[in-house]
Amino acid sequence: MDTYRPLHCDLHDYLEIACLFGYTLDIELTDGQRLTARAITTRTACTREEFLEVETAHARLEIRLDHLLAITPRDNNARFGRVVLAEGD
């Protein structure tokens, strides 16, 4: 398993807003995968790794925050647009 790299604190706000309003997100992962899912909550594991819990049409998933490249809300009245979360992008 690769070493966890914490997300910058200011970027957490976007994830918290997405969860608060239950936004449906277009999610881009650092490995090139993409998915569309509704933001549910964030959580921190006992190992200090942080996750975004989302719900797709078929399942609930947890995505480690440092595997997120970008999120884009699909909701018309979203409070933000596309946000790049990975360092160096």
PDB file of N, CA and C in Angstrom:
ATOM      1  N   MET A   1       0.847  -1.185   0.000  1.00  0.00           N
ATOM      2  CA  MET A   1       0.000   0.000   0.000  1.00  0.00           C
ATOM      3  C   MET A   1       0.889   1.245   0.000  1.00  0.00           C
ATOM      4  N   ASP A   2       0.490   2.257  -0.745  1.00  0.00           N
ATOM      5  CA  ASP A   2       1.272   3.482  -0.807  1.00  0.00           C
ATOM      6  C   ASP A   2       1.045   4.349   0.432  1.00  0.00           C
ATOM      7  N   THR A   3       2.008   5.206   0.727  1.00  0.00           N
ATOM      8  CA  THR A   3       1.945   6.067   1.902  1.00  0.00           C
ATOM      9  C   THR A   3       0.881   7.138   1.709  1.00  0.00           C
ATOM     10  N   TYR A   4       0.056   7.337   2.730  1.00  0.00           N
ATOM     11  CA  TYR A   4      -1.018   8.328   2.662  1.00  0.00           C
ATOM     12  C   TYR A   4      -0.441   9.741   2.700  1.00  0.00           C
ATOM     13  N   ARG A   5      -0.929  10.586   1.806  1.00  0.00           N
ATOM     14  CA  ARG A   5      -0.565  12.003   1.765  1.00  0.00           C
ATOM     15  C   ARG A   5      -1.806  12.818   2.102  1.00  0.00           C
ATOM     16  N   PRO A   6      -1.832  13.484   3.258  1.00  0.00           N
ATOM     17  CA  PRO A   6      -3.027  14.239   3.657  1.00  0.00           C
ATOM     18  C   PRO A   6      -3.385  15.334   2.648  1.00  0.00           C
ATOM     19  N   LEU A   7      -4.662  15.566   2.519  1.00  0.00           N
ATOM     20  CA  LEU A   7      -5.182  16.624   1.667  1.00  0.00           C
ATOM     21  C   LEU A   7      -4.992  17.965   2.373  1.00  0.00           C
ATOM     22  N   HIS A   8      -4.689  19.015   1.616  1.00  0.00           N
ATOM     23  CA  HIS A   8      -4.574  20.349   2.219  1.00  0.00           C
ATOM     24  C   HIS A   8      -5.890  20.717   2.897  1.00  0.00           C
ATOM     25  N   CYS A   9      -5.795  21.332   4.057  1.00  0.00           N
ATOM     26  CA  CYS A   9      -6.976  21.658   4.867  1.00  0.00           C
ATOM     27  C   CYS A   9      -8.009  22.491   4.115  1.00  0.00           C
ATOM     28  N   ASP A  10      -7.559  23.463   3.313  1.00  0.00           N
ATOM     29  CA  ASP A  10      -8.521  24.315   2.616  1.00  0.00           C
ATOM     30  C   ASP A  10      -9.340  23.539   1.588  1.00  0.00           C
ATOM     31  N   LEU A  11      -8.823  22.423   1.098  1.00  0.00           N
ATOM     32  CA  LEU A  11      -9.561  21.620   0.134  1.00  0.00           C
ATOM     33  C   LEU A  11     -10.624  20.751   0.795  1.00  0.00           C
ATOM     34  N   HIS A  12     -10.457  20.474   2.090  1.00  0.00           N
ATOM     35  CA  HIS A  12     -11.469  19.704   2.832  1.00  0.00           C
ATOM     36  C   HIS A  12     -12.818  20.404   2.790  1.00  0.00           C
ATOM     37  N   ASP A  13     -12.807  21.736   2.786  1.00  0.00           N
ATOM     38  CA  ASP A  13     -14.067  22.490   2.794  1.00  0.00           C
ATOM     39  C   ASP A  13     -14.968  22.095   1.631  1.00  0.00           C
ATOM     40  N   TYR A  14     -14.387  21.892   0.456  1.00  0.00           N
ATOM     41  CA  TYR A  14     -15.188  21.511  -0.708  1.00  0.00           C
ATOM     42  C   TYR A  14     -15.849  20.151  -0.504  1.00  0.00           C
ATOM     43  N   LEU A  15     -15.116  19.222   0.088  1.00  0.00           N
ATOM     44  CA  LEU A  15     -15.690  17.897   0.352  1.00  0.00           C
ATOM     45  C   LEU A  15     -16.800  17.980   1.390  1.00  0.00           C
ATOM     46  N   GLU A  16     -16.584  18.796   2.422  1.00  0.00           N
ATOM     47  CA  GLU A  16     -17.607  18.955   3.459  1.00  0.00           C
ATOM     48  C   GLU A  16     -18.872  19.603   2.895  1.00  0.00           C
ATOM     49  N   ILE A  17     -18.719  20.600   2.034  1.00  0.00           N
ATOM     50  CA  ILE A  17     -19.880  21.232   1.392  1.00  0.00           C
ATOM     51  C   ILE A  17     -20.615  20.209   0.527  1.00  0.00           C
ATOM     52  N   ALA A  18     -19.863  19.430  -0.237  1.00  0.00           N
ATOM     53  CA  ALA A  18     -20.474  18.410  -1.096  1.00  0.00           C
ATOM     54  C   ALA A  18     -21.281  17.411  -0.267  1.00  0.00           C
ATOM     55  N   CYS A  19     -20.742  17.017   0.883  1.00  0.00           N
ATOM     56  CA  CYS A  19     -21.452  16.078   1.754  1.00  0.00           C
ATOM     57  C   CYS A  19     -22.657  16.737   2.411  1.00  0.00           C
ATOM     58  N   LEU A  20     -22.491  17.957   2.883  1.00  0.00           N
ATOM     59  CA  LEU A  20     -23.580  18.688   3.555  1.00  0.00           C
ATOM     60  C   LEU A  20     -24.802  18.802   2.650  1.00  0.00           C
ATOM     61  N   PHE A  21     -24.570  19.117   1.380  1.00  0.00           N
ATOM     62  CA  PHE A  21     -25.668  19.306   0.444  1.00  0.00           C
ATOM     63  C   PHE A  21     -25.989  18.052  -0.377  1.00  0.00           C
ATOM     64  N   GLY A  22     -25.246  16.974  -0.148  1.00  0.00           N
ATOM     65  CA  GLY A  22     -25.506  15.723  -0.853  1.00  0.00           C
ATOM     66  C   GLY A  22     -25.325  15.838  -2.353  1.00  0.00           C
ATOM     67  N   TYR A  23     -24.315  16.604  -2.766  1.00  0.00           N
ATOM     68  CA  TYR A  23     -24.069  16.803  -4.190  1.00  0.00           C
ATOM     69  C   TYR A  23     -23.738  15.492  -4.890  1.00  0.00           C
ATOM     70  N   THR A  24     -24.205  15.390  -6.111  1.00  0.00           N
ATOM     71  CA  THR A  24     -23.747  14.343  -7.009  1.00  0.00           C
ATOM     72  C   THR A  24     -22.491  14.884  -7.677  1.00  0.00           C
ATOM     73  N   LEU A  25     -21.423  14.104  -7.627  1.00  0.00           N
ATOM     74  CA  LEU A  25     -20.127  14.555  -8.118  1.00  0.00           C
ATOM     75  C   LEU A  25     -19.640  13.712  -9.281  1.00  0.00           C
ATOM     76  N   ASP A  26     -19.010  14.373 -10.241  1.00  0.00           N
ATOM     77  CA  ASP A  26     -18.164  13.671 -11.198  1.00  0.00           C
ATOM     78  C   ASP A  26     -16.803  13.609 -10.519  1.00  0.00           C
ATOM     79  N   ILE A  27     -16.312  12.413 -10.282  1.00  0.00           N
ATOM     80  CA  ILE A  27     -15.082  12.202  -9.526  1.00  0.00           C
ATOM     81  C   ILE A  27     -14.009  11.668 -10.458  1.00  0.00           C
ATOM     82  N   GLU A  28     -12.860  12.339 -10.451  1.00  0.00           N
ATOM     83  CA  GLU A  28     -11.701  11.902 -11.220  1.00  0.00           C
ATOM     84  C   GLU A  28     -10.654  11.408 -10.227  1.00  0.00           C
ATOM     85  N   LEU A  29     -10.155  10.203 -10.446  1.00  0.00           N
ATOM     86  CA  LEU A  29      -9.158   9.624  -9.561  1.00  0.00           C
ATOM     87  C   LEU A  29      -7.764   9.761 -10.167  1.00  0.00           C
ATOM     88  N   THR A  30      -6.763   9.702  -9.314  1.00  0.00           N
ATOM     89  CA  THR A  30      -5.381   9.882  -9.759  1.00  0.00           C
ATOM     90  C   THR A  30      -4.915   8.771 -10.697  1.00  0.00           C
ATOM     91  N   ASP A  31      -5.583   7.619 -10.681  1.00  0.00           N
ATOM     92  CA  ASP A  31      -5.201   6.520 -11.575  1.00  0.00           C
ATOM     93  C   ASP A  31      -5.920   6.578 -12.923  1.00  0.00           C
ATOM     94  N   GLY A  32      -6.687   7.669 -13.149  1.00  0.00           N
ATOM     95  CA  GLY A  32      -7.375   7.842 -14.418  1.00  0.00           C
ATOM     96  C   GLY A  32      -8.829   7.396 -14.428  1.00  0.00           C
ATOM     97  N   GLN A  33      -9.268   6.687 -13.407  1.00  0.00           N
ATOM     98  CA  GLN A  33     -10.663   6.252 -13.343  1.00  0.00           C
ATOM     99  C   GLN A  33     -11.570   7.450 -13.093  1.00  0.00           C
ATOM    100  N   ARG A  34     -12.820   7.314 -13.523  1.00  0.00           N
ATOM    101  CA  ARG A  34     -13.843   8.336 -13.299  1.00  0.00           C
ATOM    102  C   ARG A  34     -15.122   7.647 -12.837  1.00  0.00           C
ATOM    103  N   LEU A  35     -15.872   8.337 -11.998  1.00  0.00           N
ATOM    104  CA  LEU A  35     -17.167   7.826 -11.589  1.00  0.00           C
ATOM    105  C   LEU A  35     -18.064   8.985 -11.197  1.00  0.00           C
ATOM    106  N   THR A  36     -19.344   8.709 -11.178  1.00  0.00           N
ATOM    107  CA  THR A  36     -20.332   9.679 -10.724  1.00  0.00           C
ATOM    108  C   THR A  36     -20.979   9.088  -9.483  1.00  0.00           C
ATOM    109  N   ALA A  37     -21.023   9.894  -8.409  1.00  0.00           N
ATOM    110  CA  ALA A  37     -21.553   9.390  -7.148  1.00  0.00           C
ATOM    111  C   ALA A  37     -22.026  10.550  -6.285  1.00  0.00           C
ATOM    112  N   ARG A  38     -22.916  10.243  -5.341  1.00  0.00           N
ATOM    113  CA  ARG A  38     -23.412  11.243  -4.392  1.00  0.00           C
ATOM    114  C   ARG A  38     -22.521  11.247  -3.158  1.00  0.00           C
ATOM    115  N   ALA A  39     -22.078  12.441  -2.761  1.00  0.00           N
ATOM    116  CA  ALA A  39     -21.232  12.580  -1.573  1.00  0.00           C
ATOM    117  C   ALA A  39     -22.067  12.330  -0.323  1.00  0.00           C
ATOM    118  N   ILE A  40     -21.538  11.499   0.578  1.00  0.00           N
ATOM    119  CA  ILE A  40     -22.252  11.155   1.812  1.00  0.00           C
ATOM    120  C   ILE A  40     -21.562  11.777   3.026  1.00  0.00           C
ATOM    121  N   THR A  41     -20.297  11.424   3.257  1.00  0.00           N
ATOM    122  CA  THR A  41     -19.573  11.913   4.431  1.00  0.00           C
ATOM    123  C   THR A  41     -18.076  11.691   4.234  1.00  0.00           C
ATOM    124  N   THR A  42     -17.299  12.282   5.120  1.00  0.00           N
ATOM    125  CA  THR A  42     -15.872  11.994   5.184  1.00  0.00           C
ATOM    126  C   THR A  42     -15.598  11.305   6.515  1.00  0.00           C
ATOM    127  N   ARG A  43     -14.505  10.562   6.551  1.00  0.00           N
ATOM    128  CA  ARG A  43     -14.138   9.910   7.820  1.00  0.00           C
ATOM    129  C   ARG A  43     -12.633   9.739   7.875  1.00  0.00           C
ATOM    130  N   THR A  44     -12.134   9.645   9.097  1.00  0.00           N
ATOM    131  CA  THR A  44     -10.719   9.398   9.325  1.00  0.00           C
ATOM    132  C   THR A  44     -10.575   8.028   9.984  1.00  0.00           C
ATOM    133  N   ALA A  45      -9.756   7.184   9.398  1.00  0.00           N
ATOM    134  CA  ALA A  45      -9.509   5.844   9.933  1.00  0.00           C
ATOM    135  C   ALA A  45      -8.529   5.940  11.102  1.00  0.00           C
ATOM    136  N   CYS A  46      -8.437   4.896  11.892  1.00  0.00           N
ATOM    137  CA  CYS A  46      -7.502   4.869  13.015  1.00  0.00           C
ATOM    138  C   CYS A  46      -6.052   4.982  12.547  1.00  0.00           C
ATOM    139  N   THR A  47      -5.818   4.695  11.273  1.00  0.00           N
ATOM    140  CA  THR A  47      -4.477   4.817  10.690  1.00  0.00           C
ATOM    141  C   THR A  47      -4.180   6.254  10.252  1.00  0.00           C
ATOM    142  N   ARG A  48      -5.133   7.168  10.464  1.00  0.00           N
ATOM    143  CA  ARG A  48      -5.056   8.596  10.100  1.00  0.00           C
ATOM    144  C   ARG A  48      -5.308   8.848   8.620  1.00  0.00           C
ATOM    145  N   GLU A  49      -5.634   7.809   7.857  1.00  0.00           N
ATOM    146  CA  GLU A  49      -6.018   7.994   6.461  1.00  0.00           C
ATOM    147  C   GLU A  49      -7.446   8.539   6.433  1.00  0.00           C
ATOM    148  N   GLU A  50      -7.692   9.443   5.477  1.00  0.00           N
ATOM    149  CA  GLU A  50      -9.005  10.062   5.373  1.00  0.00           C
ATOM    150  C   GLU A  50      -9.693   9.582   4.108  1.00  0.00           C
ATOM    151  N   PHE A  51     -11.028   9.451   4.194  1.00  0.00           N
ATOM    152  CA  PHE A  51     -11.827   8.894   3.107  1.00  0.00           C
ATOM    153  C   PHE A  51     -13.055   9.736   2.840  1.00  0.00           C
ATOM    154  N   LEU A  52     -13.483   9.721   1.577  1.00  0.00           N
ATOM    155  CA  LEU A  52     -14.767  10.277   1.176  1.00  0.00           C
ATOM    156  C   LEU A  52     -15.685   9.095   0.914  1.00  0.00           C
ATOM    157  N   GLU A  53     -16.815   9.062   1.611  1.00  0.00           N
ATOM    158  CA  GLU A  53     -17.805   8.015   1.376  1.00  0.00           C
ATOM    159  C   GLU A  53     -18.804   8.552   0.363  1.00  0.00           C
ATOM    160  N   VAL A  54     -19.042   7.760  -0.689  1.00  0.00           N
ATOM    161  CA  VAL A  54     -19.960   8.146  -1.754  1.00  0.00           C
ATOM    162  C   VAL A  54     -20.905   6.994  -2.048  1.00  0.00           C
ATOM    163  N   GLU A  55     -21.996   7.333  -2.722  1.00  0.00           N
ATOM    164  CA  GLU A  55     -22.968   6.320  -3.120  1.00  0.00           C
ATOM    165  C   GLU A  55     -23.168   6.410  -4.629  1.00  0.00           C
ATOM    166  N   THR A  56     -22.894   5.305  -5.319  1.00  0.00           N
ATOM    167  CA  THR A  56     -23.158   5.215  -6.750  1.00  0.00           C
ATOM    168  C   THR A  56     -24.528   4.574  -6.932  1.00  0.00           C
ATOM    169  N   ALA A  57     -24.923   4.356  -8.166  1.00  0.00           N
ATOM    170  CA  ALA A  57     -26.192   3.686  -8.440  1.00  0.00           C
ATOM    171  C   ALA A  57     -26.196   2.251  -7.931  1.00  0.00           C
ATOM    172  N   HIS A  58     -24.981   1.683  -7.711  1.00  0.00           N
ATOM    173  CA  HIS A  58     -24.897   0.268  -7.364  1.00  0.00           C
ATOM    174  C   HIS A  58     -24.308  -0.043  -5.991  1.00  0.00           C
ATOM    175  N   ALA A  59     -23.596   0.911  -5.381  1.00  0.00           N
ATOM    176  CA  ALA A  59     -22.915   0.583  -4.125  1.00  0.00           C
ATOM    177  C   ALA A  59     -22.455   1.847  -3.395  1.00  0.00           C
ATOM    178  N   ARG A  60     -22.128   1.656  -2.129  1.00  0.00           N
ATOM    179  CA  ARG A  60     -21.434   2.685  -1.356  1.00  0.00           C
ATOM    180  C   ARG A  60     -19.950   2.387  -1.404  1.00  0.00           C
ATOM    181  N   LEU A  61     -19.151   3.431  -1.615  1.00  0.00           N
ATOM    182  CA  LEU A  61     -17.706   3.274  -1.724  1.00  0.00           C
ATOM    183  C   LEU A  61     -17.010   4.255  -0.801  1.00  0.00           C
ATOM    184  N   GLU A  62     -15.801   3.903  -0.396  1.00  0.00           N
ATOM    185  CA  GLU A  62     -14.926   4.832   0.306  1.00  0.00           C
ATOM    186  C   GLU A  62     -13.721   5.071  -0.575  1.00  0.00           C
ATOM    187  N   ILE A  63     -13.422   6.340  -0.809  1.00  0.00           N
ATOM    188  CA  ILE A  63     -12.287   6.705  -1.648  1.00  0.00           C
ATOM    189  C   ILE A  63     -11.283   7.451  -0.780  1.00  0.00           C
ATOM    190  N   ARG A  64     -10.067   6.947  -0.738  1.00  0.00           N
ATOM    191  CA  ARG A  64      -9.024   7.620   0.042  1.00  0.00           C
ATOM    192  C   ARG A  64      -8.780   8.999  -0.581  1.00  0.00           C
ATOM    193  N   LEU A  65      -8.729  10.026   0.250  1.00  0.00           N
ATOM    194  CA  LEU A  65      -8.682  11.394  -0.250  1.00  0.00           C
ATOM    195  C   LEU A  65      -7.493  11.670  -1.153  1.00  0.00           C
ATOM    196  N   ASP A  66      -6.356  11.043  -0.899  1.00  0.00           N
ATOM    197  CA  ASP A  66      -5.200  11.309  -1.759  1.00  0.00           C
ATOM    198  C   ASP A  66      -5.266  10.555  -3.085  1.00  0.00           C
ATOM    199  N   HIS A  67      -6.367   9.825  -3.313  1.00  0.00           N
ATOM    200  CA  HIS A  67      -6.601   9.187  -4.608  1.00  0.00           C
ATOM    201  C   HIS A  67      -7.534  10.034  -5.476  1.00  0.00           C
ATOM    202  N   LEU A  68      -8.048  11.132  -4.907  1.00  0.00           N
ATOM    203  CA  LEU A  68      -8.910  12.044  -5.655  1.00  0.00           C
ATOM    204  C   LEU A  68      -8.055  13.021  -6.452  1.00  0.00           C
ATOM    205  N   LEU A  69      -8.306  13.107  -7.735  1.00  0.00           N
ATOM    206  CA  LEU A  69      -7.647  14.115  -8.562  1.00  0.00           C
ATOM    207  C   LEU A  69      -8.501  15.377  -8.595  1.00  0.00           C
ATOM    208  N   ALA A  70      -9.805  15.220  -8.847  1.00  0.00           N
ATOM    209  CA  ALA A  70     -10.698  16.373  -8.932  1.00  0.00           C
ATOM    210  C   ALA A  70     -12.134  15.925  -8.692  1.00  0.00           C
ATOM    211  N   ILE A  71     -12.953  16.898  -8.265  1.00  0.00           N
ATOM    212  CA  ILE A  71     -14.394  16.680  -8.136  1.00  0.00           C
ATOM    213  C   ILE A  71     -15.107  17.830  -8.837  1.00  0.00           C
ATOM    214  N   THR A  72     -16.234  17.493  -9.468  1.00  0.00           N
ATOM    215  CA  THR A  72     -17.073  18.500 -10.116  1.00  0.00           C
ATOM    216  C   THR A  72     -18.521  18.204  -9.754  1.00  0.00           C
ATOM    217  N   PRO A  73     -19.191  19.132  -9.060  1.00  0.00           N
ATOM    218  CA  PRO A  73     -20.600  18.895  -8.734  1.00  0.00           C
ATOM    219  C   PRO A  73     -21.473  18.976  -9.981  1.00  0.00           C
ATOM    220  N   ARG A  74     -22.456  18.107 -10.047  1.00  0.00           N
ATOM    221  CA  ARG A  74     -23.399  18.089 -11.172  1.00  0.00           C
ATOM    222  C   ARG A  74     -24.652  18.882 -10.862  1.00  0.00           C
ATOM    223  N   ASP A  75     -24.825  19.295  -9.620  1.00  0.00           N
ATOM    224  CA  ASP A  75     -26.021  20.015  -9.191  1.00  0.00           C
ATOM    225  C   ASP A  75     -26.019  21.434  -9.770  1.00  0.00           C
ATOM    226  N   ASN A  76     -27.162  21.886 -10.274  1.00  0.00           N
ATOM    227  CA  ASN A  76     -27.273  23.197 -10.918  1.00  0.00           C
ATOM    228  C   ASN A  76     -26.901  24.356 -10.008  1.00  0.00           C
ATOM    229  N   ASN A  77     -27.251  24.293  -8.752  1.00  0.00           N
ATOM    230  CA  ASN A  77     -27.002  25.405  -7.833  1.00  0.00           C
ATOM    231  C   ASN A  77     -25.831  25.141  -6.894  1.00  0.00           C
ATOM    232  N   ALA A  78     -24.869  24.353  -7.345  1.00  0.00           N
ATOM    233  CA  ALA A  78     -23.712  24.019  -6.504  1.00  0.00           C
ATOM    234  C   ALA A  78     -22.946  25.289  -6.127  1.00  0.00           C
ATOM    235  N   ARG A  79     -22.331  25.266  -4.965  1.00  0.00           N
ATOM    236  CA  ARG A  79     -21.599  26.420  -4.443  1.00  0.00           C
ATOM    237  C   ARG A  79     -20.161  26.497  -4.941  1.00  0.00           C
ATOM    238  N   PHE A  80     -19.750  25.550  -5.761  1.00  0.00           N
ATOM    239  CA  PHE A  80     -18.411  25.568  -6.360  1.00  0.00           C
ATOM    240  C   PHE A  80     -18.448  24.777  -7.661  1.00  0.00           C
ATOM    241  N   GLY A  81     -17.434  24.960  -8.489  1.00  0.00           N
ATOM    242  CA  GLY A  81     -17.288  24.217  -9.738  1.00  0.00           C
ATOM    243  C   GLY A  81     -16.239  23.133  -9.570  1.00  0.00           C
ATOM    244  N   ARG A  82     -15.536  22.812 -10.646  1.00  0.00           N
ATOM    245  CA  ARG A  82     -14.505  21.772 -10.597  1.00  0.00           C
ATOM    246  C   ARG A  82     -13.397  22.200  -9.647  1.00  0.00           C
ATOM    247  N   VAL A  83     -12.998  21.285  -8.773  1.00  0.00           N
ATOM    248  CA  VAL A  83     -11.931  21.531  -7.811  1.00  0.00           C
ATOM    249  C   VAL A  83     -10.865  20.448  -7.997  1.00  0.00           C
ATOM    250  N   VAL A  84      -9.640  20.874  -8.248  1.00  0.00           N
ATOM    251  CA  VAL A  84      -8.517  19.946  -8.357  1.00  0.00           C
ATOM    252  C   VAL A  84      -7.958  19.731  -6.957  1.00  0.00           C
ATOM    253  N   LEU A  85      -7.889  18.475  -6.539  1.00  0.00           N
ATOM    254  CA  LEU A  85      -7.493  18.135  -5.170  1.00  0.00           C
ATOM    255  C   LEU A  85      -6.080  17.591  -5.064  1.00  0.00           C
ATOM    256  N   ALA A  86      -5.560  17.031  -6.153  1.00  0.00           N
ATOM    257  CA  ALA A  86      -4.229  16.427  -6.106  1.00  0.00           C
ATOM    258  C   ALA A  86      -3.170  17.501  -6.155  1.00  0.00           C
ATOM    259  N   GLU A  87      -2.119  17.322  -5.366  1.00  0.00           N
ATOM    260  CA  GLU A  87      -1.000  18.271  -5.345  1.00  0.00           C
ATOM    261  C   GLU A  87      -0.306  18.325  -6.695  1.00  0.00           C
ATOM    262  N   GLY A  88       0.138  19.512  -7.042  1.00  0.00           N
ATOM    263  CA  GLY A  88       0.901  19.679  -8.260  1.00  0.00           C
ATOM    264  C   GLY A  88       0.061  19.812  -9.510  1.00  0.00           C
ATOM    265  N   ASP A  89      -1.277  19.759  -9.393  1.00  0.00           N
ATOM    266  CA  ASP A  89      -2.155  19.899 -10.553  1.00  0.00           C
ATOM    267  C   ASP A  89      -2.810  21.249 -10.569  1.00  0.00           C
TER     268      ASP A  89
END
